Each structure stands twice: as structure tokens, then as C-alpha cells.
Amino acid sequence: MAVIAHLPPAKYIDSDEALLELVTHLEGEKLLAIDTESNNMYAYQGRICLIQLSTEHEDYIIDPLTIKDMRPFGNLLADKRIEKIFHAAEYDLVCFRRDFGFEVQNIFDTMYAARFCKAKQFGLADLLWEYFEVEVDKSHQRDDWGQRPLPKDSLKYAQMDTHYLHQLRDVLREKLIKLGHLEEAYEAFDDALYIEAKEQVFDPDGYWKLGRPRSLTRRQMAILRELYILRDEIAREQDRPHFKTITNQTLIMLARRQPRSFKRLYEMKGLNDHIVQYYGQDIIGAIKRGRENEIPAPPPNHSPSAELAERYTVLHAWRRDRAEERDLDSSLILSKHTLWELARTMPQTMDELKAIDGMREWRLNAYGEEILKLIKHMKV
């Protein structure tokens, strides 16, 4: 059975005054470990419900659901003088930008650092066990972080996510220095700072991704469309994620079987009785509309051109070969986003190459000439 380390309780910050006082206290720190917990599995639109923060000596938990003005914390995140330690930073950074408009500067990502150190397992729990023999209780991974009050065990679990990050960062940083990967790793950390936060907007054409792989008929696709839109309305009304209202598999089953009565709906596996009771007539109505309405035309094809796809393939093969030579995961060489940008823009000079997202000093010096030579031989 997993054992959680015995830690002093984290200081709970749940007011504007306490947050301002904390930020003032932390402004002189050189390193801060940070993590977030969101309620994506329990709400129609997930949001950050908890922010964990650790200095080398103290742990804090910030409750953004009870704080009206989070801007002081945003100023702390944007302070380039303070290095922020994350594990797998991308999602946290996207959430900060999405929920608060915060931009984070100067990060150290222990997951990417572990990958550059060629760790076989680079989940936080794996690394804490490997380096500190600390075992994490994973039973709280699916907790509803939007509920209040939060159980003590949940808070302890959340605290663990940042408590050891300072020590882990120090160990991995020394390894990166010995391997000669430090500068390269910091460039990889910075890649996460440029990932765009996509708005959580419902796509009414998303049903094509469900129906096409399952070979639905055109009429069944029309029915699926109506059911797909209805499910979003139900999820929005109940403030629940889509999969907790009607699953994708059940939507497909409804489109195929096309039940026309409550009796048939109650007989269907995977369809919650509560949903049938309150929304059964809506489901039957959606199926009826799908049977009668005009069959929808497929959405336009946004696939890349053959020429662009060919350029990307050449660059992708180059990245794979470089990764094999260096015994690293290929995504650590250059991101797919950077490869696509290279394929689209076809830079011809070092200055043009420097303007591409992900092409910073270390990568320019290591790969710049190779990439330009490769592009020169491509079809324009």
C-alpha cells in the first residue's frame, strides 16, 4: 500500500489579503515549485481549482475559487528573476493563460530534464521513488478539485506534487550539466511557453470524427449530428463533461439503432436512467430530426498539400535520424510544431531560421546549417 510522506500541513491561502501577503513574501525567492489541479473531469469547462507552491522550506496551497483578484500571483509568475519549477509544465501553463491570462517566464521542467537524462520512467511518482524513495498515493488523481471543503488527504496529495520539486530539480540539473545537455534542455523548457491556449469552444462538426471511423451511413451521420449537439446542451446545462452525460460509444449506438420510445431507450446499455428520465424526449426528438433533415455535407478538408506533407516528411526523417544518433527521444530534438513551421516557411538564411518558433541559440548552432541545407534541396 502506498505511503504518503509525513509533511507539515501546507499553508492554505484563501483570501485576497493572504495572497498579497504571500506574493510580497516570495518576491525575493530565486526558485519556486508550482503545480495546479483542475476539475476537467467534473465540469463542462474545467478550470484551475488549486495552485500548489513550494519554496525550499515551506509549502503553500492557493485557492483561486475563493480569491477575487489573482493578479498579484500572475505578477510573480511573470517575474524573470524567479525560476519556476514544474513537472510537465505544458498543461499548467496553458491553464494559467486560459483561466487568468497569465504568462509564465523562466521555467525548469523536471519531466523534460529527466527525458534529457534518458530516464526510462519520467512520471513524477517514478522520479520521486527513484531519487528519494518516496511513494505517492495515486488514489487521489481523479479527485474533484472543485469541491469544497477538500478532504485532508486530497490536500496532502496536492502538496506532494511540489514539495520535492526543488530537490528533484537540483539532482536533474547536475545530471544535465554532466551530460552537456543543460543549455539544450532550457531551450526545450521554453518551448512550453509558446504553446497557445485554445478556447474551449464546442465544435458542432466534431461528430464527423466519431462517425467516420465507425463507417456510419449518411443518414446515421445526420442522426449522430443531432445527438452530438443535444449532448453538448445537456452537458452545459448540468455543468458536466460530455463523457459523463452520454459517452461517444452510446451516441454511435443511438445513431445506429434509432430508438423511438422510452422503452427502447431504457433498454439500451450505456444510457443512464437519469438521462432517459429527464432528456428521453429530447433524445427521441433529436433522432427524429436526424431521420428527416437534410443529410449534412462533410466539412472541408484541411489536410496539408502533398508538397507541404512531403517537406514535413523529409524534416521528420531528419529529426528521427538525429535522435537515433544522440540516443534521445525525437521530440527533444525539435517539436512537431517547429517541423511544420519549417516546412511551411522554407527559411533560406540563418536570420529567417531564427524567426521560427523553437529555433533558439543552441538549436541554431547545433542544427541550423543542416536544416538550411536540407531545405535547399526540397521542392519549393
Protein backbone atom coordinates (compact mmCIF):
# COMPACT_ATOMS: atom_id res chain seq x y z
CA MET A 1 0.00 0.00 0.00
CA ALA A 2 1.29 3.43 -0.96
CA VAL A 3 2.55 5.60 1.88
CA ILE A 4 2.43 9.39 1.81
CA ALA A 5 5.39 11.13 3.41
CA HIS A 6 4.70 12.85 6.72
CA LEU A 7 4.82 16.54 5.85
CA PRO A 8 3.77 19.56 7.90
CA PRO A 9 0.44 20.84 6.53
CA ALA A 10 0.75 23.35 3.70
CA LYS A 11 -0.32 26.91 4.46
CA TYR A 12 -3.73 27.46 2.89
CA ILE A 13 -4.17 30.79 1.07
CA ASP A 14 -7.86 31.56 0.51
CA SER A 15 -8.24 35.36 0.60
CA ASP A 16 -7.02 38.35 -1.41
CA GLU A 17 -5.19 39.70 1.62
CA ALA A 18 -3.40 36.42 2.28
CA LEU A 19 -2.40 36.11 -1.38
CA LEU A 20 -0.97 39.62 -1.50
CA GLU A 21 0.97 38.97 1.70
CA LEU A 22 2.30 35.68 0.28
CA VAL A 23 3.40 37.25 -3.02
CA THR A 24 5.23 40.01 -1.14
CA HIS A 25 6.93 37.35 0.98
CA LEU A 26 8.00 35.35 -2.10
CA GLU A 27 9.31 38.18 -4.28
CA GLY A 28 12.87 37.61 -3.09
CA GLU A 29 12.89 33.87 -3.81
CA LYS A 30 15.13 32.51 -6.56
CA LEU A 31 13.20 29.26 -7.07
CA LEU A 32 9.52 28.37 -6.73
CA ALA A 33 7.96 24.96 -7.38
CA ILE A 34 4.45 25.19 -8.84
CA ASP A 35 1.63 22.84 -9.85
CA THR A 36 -2.11 23.11 -10.46
CA GLU A 37 -5.19 20.94 -10.08
CA SER A 38 -8.23 21.37 -12.33
CA ASN A 39 -11.74 19.91 -12.35
CA ASN A 40 -11.91 18.89 -16.03
CA MET A 41 -13.42 15.52 -15.18
CA TYR A 42 -16.28 17.09 -13.24
CA ALA A 43 -17.29 20.27 -15.09
CA TYR A 44 -18.43 21.30 -18.56
CA GLN A 45 -15.50 23.69 -18.78
CA GLY A 46 -12.68 22.80 -16.44
CA ARG A 47 -10.73 25.45 -14.59
CA ILE A 48 -7.85 25.69 -12.15
CA CYS A 49 -9.22 24.91 -8.70
CA LEU A 50 -5.99 24.68 -6.73
CA ILE A 51 -2.46 26.01 -7.07
CA GLN A 52 0.35 24.34 -5.15
CA LEU A 53 3.52 26.27 -4.46
CA SER A 54 6.68 25.37 -2.58
CA THR A 55 9.82 27.19 -1.57
CA GLU A 56 12.79 25.18 -0.33
CA HIS A 57 11.37 25.33 3.19
CA GLU A 58 7.59 25.88 3.01
CA ASP A 59 4.57 24.56 1.12
CA TYR A 60 1.52 26.62 0.20
CA ILE A 61 -1.86 25.84 -1.36
CA ILE A 62 -3.66 28.72 -3.07
CA ASP A 63 -7.43 28.51 -3.53
CA PRO A 64 -8.35 30.54 -6.63
CA LEU A 65 -12.05 29.73 -6.15
CA THR A 66 -12.18 31.96 -3.08
CA ILE A 67 -9.80 34.72 -4.23
CA LYS A 68 -11.26 37.57 -6.28
CA ASP A 69 -8.03 39.09 -7.62
CA MET A 70 -5.33 36.65 -8.71
CA ARG A 71 -3.25 39.30 -10.48
CA PRO A 72 -0.56 39.51 -7.76
CA PHE A 73 0.19 35.83 -8.35
CA GLY A 74 0.33 36.49 -12.09
CA ASN A 75 3.00 39.11 -11.48
CA LEU A 76 5.02 36.52 -9.59
CA LEU A 77 4.77 34.05 -12.49
CA ALA A 78 5.94 36.69 -14.95
CA ASP A 79 8.99 37.69 -12.86
CA LYS A 80 12.01 36.55 -14.90
CA ARG A 81 14.27 36.70 -11.85
CA ILE A 82 12.49 33.72 -10.27
CA GLU A 83 12.85 30.26 -11.79
CA LYS A 84 9.58 28.30 -11.63
CA ILE A 85 9.92 24.55 -11.31
CA PHE A 86 7.16 22.45 -12.89
CA HIS A 87 6.76 18.80 -13.72
CA ALA A 88 5.25 18.52 -17.22
CA ALA A 89 4.63 22.27 -17.44
CA GLU A 90 2.68 22.47 -20.70
CA TYR A 91 -0.79 21.82 -19.31
CA ASP A 92 -0.28 24.09 -16.29
CA LEU A 93 0.95 26.95 -18.48
CA VAL A 94 -1.99 26.58 -20.87
CA CYS A 95 -4.40 26.61 -17.92
CA PHE A 96 -2.81 29.73 -16.41
CA ARG A 97 -3.15 31.52 -19.75
CA ARG A 98 -6.70 30.23 -20.36
CA ASP A 99 -8.15 30.93 -16.92
CA PHE A 100 -6.30 34.08 -15.87
CA GLY A 101 -4.39 35.40 -18.88
CA PHE A 102 -1.11 34.79 -17.02
CA GLU A 103 2.20 34.41 -18.85
CA VAL A 104 4.94 32.46 -17.09
CA GLN A 105 8.63 33.25 -17.53
CA ASN A 106 11.79 31.30 -16.69
CA ILE A 107 10.86 27.67 -16.06
CA PHE A 108 12.59 24.40 -15.26
CA ASP A 109 10.61 21.31 -16.26
CA THR A 110 11.65 18.21 -14.31
CA MET A 111 9.87 15.88 -16.74
CA TYR A 112 11.81 17.20 -19.75
CA ALA A 113 15.00 17.26 -17.68
CA ALA A 114 14.51 13.58 -16.83
CA ARG A 115 13.99 12.77 -20.51
CA PHE A 116 17.23 14.53 -21.44
CA CYS A 117 18.87 12.45 -18.71
CA LYS A 118 17.49 9.36 -20.52
CA ALA A 119 15.26 8.28 -17.65
CA LYS A 120 13.21 5.18 -18.53
CA GLN A 121 10.31 6.36 -16.38
CA PHE A 122 9.74 10.11 -16.08
CA GLY A 123 6.40 10.43 -14.30
CA LEU A 124 6.69 12.42 -11.08
CA ALA A 125 5.83 9.42 -8.89
CA ASP A 126 8.51 7.33 -10.64
CA LEU A 127 11.15 10.00 -10.17
CA LEU A 128 10.30 10.62 -6.51
CA TRP A 129 10.66 6.91 -5.83
CA GLU A 130 13.90 6.60 -7.84
CA TYR A 131 15.69 9.52 -6.22
CA PHE A 132 14.12 9.86 -2.77
CA GLU A 133 12.31 6.54 -2.16
CA VAL A 134 9.12 8.49 -1.61
CA GLU A 135 5.95 6.66 -2.61
CA VAL A 136 2.97 8.68 -3.83
CA ASP A 137 -0.62 7.68 -3.13
CA LYS A 138 -2.11 7.80 -6.65
CA SER A 139 -5.66 7.17 -5.46
CA HIS A 140 -6.33 10.94 -5.45
CA GLN A 141 -5.50 11.55 -9.11
CA ARG A 142 -9.20 11.63 -10.00
CA ASP A 143 -10.38 13.75 -7.08
CA ASP A 144 -12.91 16.51 -7.72
CA TRP A 145 -10.73 19.54 -7.02
CA GLY A 146 -13.69 21.88 -7.36
CA GLN A 147 -15.44 20.56 -4.25
CA ARG A 148 -15.18 22.48 -1.00
CA PRO A 149 -14.05 21.73 1.60
CA LEU A 150 -11.37 19.44 0.21
CA PRO A 151 -10.50 16.37 2.29
CA LYS A 152 -7.20 16.48 4.17
CA ASP A 153 -5.86 13.51 2.19
CA SER A 154 -6.53 15.33 -1.07
CA LEU A 155 -4.69 18.41 0.15
CA LYS A 156 -1.76 16.25 1.29
CA TYR A 157 -1.63 14.61 -2.15
CA ALA A 158 -1.65 18.03 -3.83
CA GLN A 159 1.13 19.24 -1.53
CA MET A 160 3.32 16.30 -2.56
CA ASP A 161 3.30 17.49 -6.17
CA THR A 162 5.58 20.43 -5.36
CA HIS A 163 7.21 19.55 -2.03
CA TYR A 164 10.09 17.58 -3.59
CA LEU A 165 10.47 19.52 -6.85
CA HIS A 166 13.32 21.68 -5.53
CA GLN A 167 15.40 18.62 -4.65
CA LEU A 168 14.47 16.89 -7.88
CA ARG A 169 15.43 19.95 -9.90
CA ASP A 170 18.85 20.11 -8.23
CA VAL A 171 19.58 16.41 -8.89
CA LEU A 172 18.50 16.58 -12.53
CA ARG A 173 20.28 19.87 -13.17
CA GLU A 174 23.57 18.33 -12.04
CA LYS A 175 22.96 15.40 -14.37
CA LEU A 176 22.21 17.73 -17.27
CA ILE A 177 25.48 19.57 -16.65
CA LYS A 178 27.47 16.30 -16.61
CA LEU A 179 25.80 15.16 -19.83
CA GLY A 180 26.31 18.53 -21.52
CA HIS A 181 22.57 18.98 -22.07
CA LEU A 182 21.82 21.95 -19.79
CA GLU A 183 21.56 24.73 -22.39
CA GLU A 184 19.64 22.49 -24.78
CA ALA A 185 17.25 21.45 -22.01
CA TYR A 186 16.47 25.04 -21.08
CA GLU A 187 15.51 25.72 -24.69
CA ALA A 188 13.18 22.72 -24.57
CA PHE A 189 11.66 24.06 -21.34
CA ASP A 190 10.97 27.36 -23.08
CA ASP A 191 9.05 25.62 -25.87
CA ALA A 192 6.14 25.20 -23.46
CA LEU A 193 5.91 28.98 -23.02
CA TYR A 194 4.79 29.39 -26.63
CA ILE A 195 2.00 26.80 -26.73
CA GLU A 196 -1.30 28.51 -27.48
CA ALA A 197 -4.23 28.13 -25.12
CA LYS A 198 -7.11 27.01 -27.30
CA GLU A 199 -10.54 28.22 -26.29
CA GLN A 200 -12.89 25.54 -25.03
CA VAL A 201 -15.45 26.14 -27.75
CA PHE A 202 -17.89 23.46 -28.82
CA ASP A 203 -17.36 22.34 -32.41
CA PRO A 204 -20.71 21.29 -33.91
CA ASP A 205 -18.84 19.44 -36.68
CA GLY A 206 -16.89 17.32 -34.18
CA TYR A 207 -19.30 14.42 -34.74
CA TRP A 208 -17.54 13.61 -38.03
CA LYS A 209 -14.51 12.41 -36.04
CA LEU A 210 -16.79 9.99 -34.20
CA GLY A 211 -18.86 8.69 -37.10
CA ARG A 212 -16.37 8.38 -39.94
CA PRO A 213 -14.08 5.76 -38.31
CA ARG A 214 -17.16 3.66 -37.46
CA SER A 215 -18.49 3.65 -41.03
CA LEU A 216 -21.89 5.12 -40.27
CA THR A 217 -24.26 5.61 -43.19
CA ARG A 218 -25.01 9.15 -44.36
CA ARG A 219 -28.42 9.02 -42.65
CA GLN A 220 -26.87 7.73 -39.44
CA MET A 221 -24.42 10.62 -39.62
CA ALA A 222 -27.35 13.03 -39.80
CA ILE A 223 -28.81 11.46 -36.66
CA LEU A 224 -25.43 11.49 -34.93
CA ARG A 225 -25.15 15.21 -35.65
CA GLU A 226 -28.42 15.96 -33.82
CA LEU A 227 -27.48 13.74 -30.89
CA TYR A 228 -24.00 15.27 -30.69
CA ILE A 229 -25.43 18.79 -30.45
CA LEU A 230 -28.03 17.67 -27.90
CA ARG A 231 -25.35 16.08 -25.72
CA ASP A 232 -23.49 19.39 -25.58
CA GLU A 233 -26.67 21.18 -24.49
CA ILE A 234 -27.24 18.60 -21.74
CA ALA A 235 -23.63 18.77 -20.55
CA ARG A 236 -23.71 22.56 -20.50
CA GLU A 237 -26.99 22.57 -18.53
CA GLN A 238 -25.69 20.05 -15.99
CA ASP A 239 -22.18 21.58 -15.87
CA ARG A 240 -20.65 18.18 -16.53
CA PRO A 241 -18.10 16.94 -19.09
CA HIS A 242 -19.53 15.31 -22.21
CA PHE A 243 -18.39 11.80 -21.33
CA LYS A 244 -20.30 11.95 -18.03
CA THR A 245 -23.59 12.67 -19.78
CA ILE A 246 -23.60 10.37 -22.82
CA THR A 247 -20.45 8.58 -23.98
CA ASN A 248 -19.25 8.58 -27.58
CA GLN A 249 -19.95 4.85 -27.81
CA THR A 250 -23.55 5.39 -26.71
CA LEU A 251 -24.01 8.19 -29.25
CA ILE A 252 -22.90 5.82 -32.02
CA MET A 253 -25.26 3.13 -30.73
CA LEU A 254 -28.18 5.58 -30.68
CA ALA A 255 -27.42 6.68 -34.25
CA ARG A 256 -27.39 3.08 -35.42
CA ARG A 257 -30.41 1.75 -33.54
CA GLN A 258 -32.51 4.91 -33.70
CA PRO A 259 -34.86 4.11 -30.76
CA ARG A 260 -38.23 5.83 -30.94
CA SER A 261 -39.67 5.13 -27.48
CA PHE A 262 -38.74 5.46 -23.82
CA LYS A 263 -38.92 1.67 -23.53
CA ARG A 264 -36.19 1.27 -26.16
CA LEU A 265 -34.08 3.97 -24.52
CA TYR A 266 -34.25 2.31 -21.10
CA GLU A 267 -33.21 -1.00 -22.71
CA MET A 268 -30.02 0.48 -24.16
CA LYS A 269 -26.81 -0.32 -22.30
CA GLY A 270 -24.69 2.70 -21.50
CA LEU A 271 -27.57 5.15 -21.36
CA ASN A 272 -28.07 6.37 -17.80
CA ASP A 273 -31.65 6.05 -16.47
CA HIS A 274 -31.44 9.60 -15.13
CA ILE A 275 -30.62 10.89 -18.62
CA VAL A 276 -33.54 8.94 -20.10
CA GLN A 277 -35.93 10.20 -17.41
CA TYR A 278 -35.08 13.88 -17.89
CA TYR A 279 -33.93 14.02 -21.51
CA GLY A 280 -35.52 10.97 -23.14
CA GLN A 281 -37.99 13.03 -25.16
CA ASP A 282 -35.17 15.29 -26.33
CA ILE A 283 -33.17 12.27 -27.47
CA ILE A 284 -36.14 10.84 -29.37
CA GLY A 285 -36.72 14.27 -30.92
CA ALA A 286 -33.07 14.53 -31.99
CA ILE A 287 -33.26 11.11 -33.65
CA LYS A 288 -36.45 12.15 -35.45
CA ARG A 289 -34.85 15.34 -36.74
CA GLY A 290 -31.85 13.36 -37.95
CA ARG A 291 -34.13 10.97 -39.84
CA GLU A 292 -36.00 13.81 -41.52
CA ASN A 293 -33.47 16.61 -42.00
CA GLU A 294 -31.23 17.08 -44.99
CA ILE A 295 -28.11 14.94 -44.83
CA PRO A 296 -25.14 17.17 -43.82
CA ALA A 297 -22.25 17.73 -46.20
CA PRO A 298 -18.81 16.69 -44.92
CA PRO A 299 -16.67 19.56 -43.58
CA PRO A 300 -13.94 20.92 -45.87
CA ASN A 301 -10.68 19.00 -45.95
CA HIS A 302 -7.95 20.96 -44.16
CA SER A 303 -5.21 18.40 -44.82
CA PRO A 304 -1.86 19.85 -45.90
CA SER A 305 -0.98 19.87 -49.58
CA ALA A 306 1.06 16.99 -50.98
CA GLU A 307 4.08 19.29 -51.32
CA LEU A 308 3.85 20.51 -47.72
CA ALA A 309 3.35 16.98 -46.41
CA GLU A 310 6.42 15.82 -48.36
CA ARG A 311 8.57 18.59 -46.89
CA TYR A 312 7.39 17.70 -43.39
CA THR A 313 8.18 14.02 -44.01
CA VAL A 314 11.75 14.88 -45.03
CA LEU A 315 12.24 17.03 -41.92
CA HIS A 316 10.63 14.38 -39.72
CA ALA A 317 13.03 11.74 -41.08
CA TRP A 318 15.99 14.06 -40.41
CA ARG A 319 14.79 14.57 -36.82
CA ARG A 320 14.44 10.79 -36.33
CA ASP A 321 17.98 10.17 -37.59
CA ARG A 322 19.39 12.89 -35.34
CA ALA A 323 17.56 11.47 -32.34
CA GLU A 324 18.91 7.96 -33.02
CA GLU A 325 22.45 9.31 -33.30
CA ARG A 326 22.12 11.06 -29.95
CA ASP A 327 20.06 8.32 -28.24
CA LEU A 328 17.31 10.80 -27.36
CA ASP A 329 13.58 10.89 -27.93
CA SER A 330 12.97 12.63 -31.26
CA SER A 331 10.59 15.19 -29.73
CA LEU A 332 13.54 16.57 -27.75
CA ILE A 333 15.36 17.48 -30.96
CA LEU A 334 12.61 19.72 -32.37
CA SER A 335 8.86 19.77 -31.75
CA LYS A 336 6.38 18.77 -34.46
CA HIS A 337 5.11 22.35 -34.40
CA THR A 338 8.60 23.60 -35.32
CA LEU A 339 8.91 21.00 -38.09
CA TRP A 340 5.61 22.14 -39.62
CA GLU A 341 6.70 25.79 -39.40
CA LEU A 342 9.94 24.92 -41.18
CA ALA A 343 8.03 23.05 -43.89
CA ARG A 344 5.59 25.93 -44.39
CA THR A 345 8.02 28.87 -44.39
CA MET A 346 11.09 27.23 -46.00
CA PRO A 347 13.67 29.62 -44.43
CA GLN A 348 16.71 30.27 -46.60
CA THR A 349 19.02 32.11 -44.18
CA MET A 350 20.04 31.91 -40.53
CA ASP A 351 18.07 35.09 -39.79
CA GLU A 352 14.92 33.59 -41.33
CA LEU A 353 15.54 30.35 -39.44
CA LYS A 354 15.93 32.25 -36.18
CA ALA A 355 12.41 33.64 -36.62
CA ILE A 356 10.87 30.14 -36.44
CA ASP A 357 9.26 29.13 -33.12
CA GLY A 358 11.56 26.73 -31.31
CA MET A 359 14.74 27.73 -33.17
CA ARG A 360 16.80 29.38 -30.46
CA GLU A 361 20.53 29.75 -29.98
CA TRP A 362 21.58 26.20 -29.05
CA ARG A 363 19.47 24.59 -31.76
CA LEU A 364 20.56 27.14 -34.35
CA ASN A 365 24.22 26.36 -33.60
CA ALA A 366 23.66 22.60 -33.49
CA TYR A 367 21.24 22.12 -36.39
CA GLY A 368 20.94 25.39 -38.32
CA GLU A 369 23.31 24.64 -41.19
CA GLU A 370 21.94 21.11 -41.60
CA ILE A 371 18.36 22.32 -41.76
CA LEU A 372 19.14 25.06 -44.28
CA LYS A 373 21.00 22.57 -46.48
CA LEU A 374 18.07 20.15 -46.24
CA ILE A 375 15.55 22.85 -47.19
CA LYS A 376 17.69 23.99 -50.09
CA HIS A 377 17.25 20.58 -51.75
CA MET A 378 13.48 20.48 -51.25
CA LYS A 379 10.85 21.41 -53.82
CA VAL A 380 9.66 24.99 -53.26
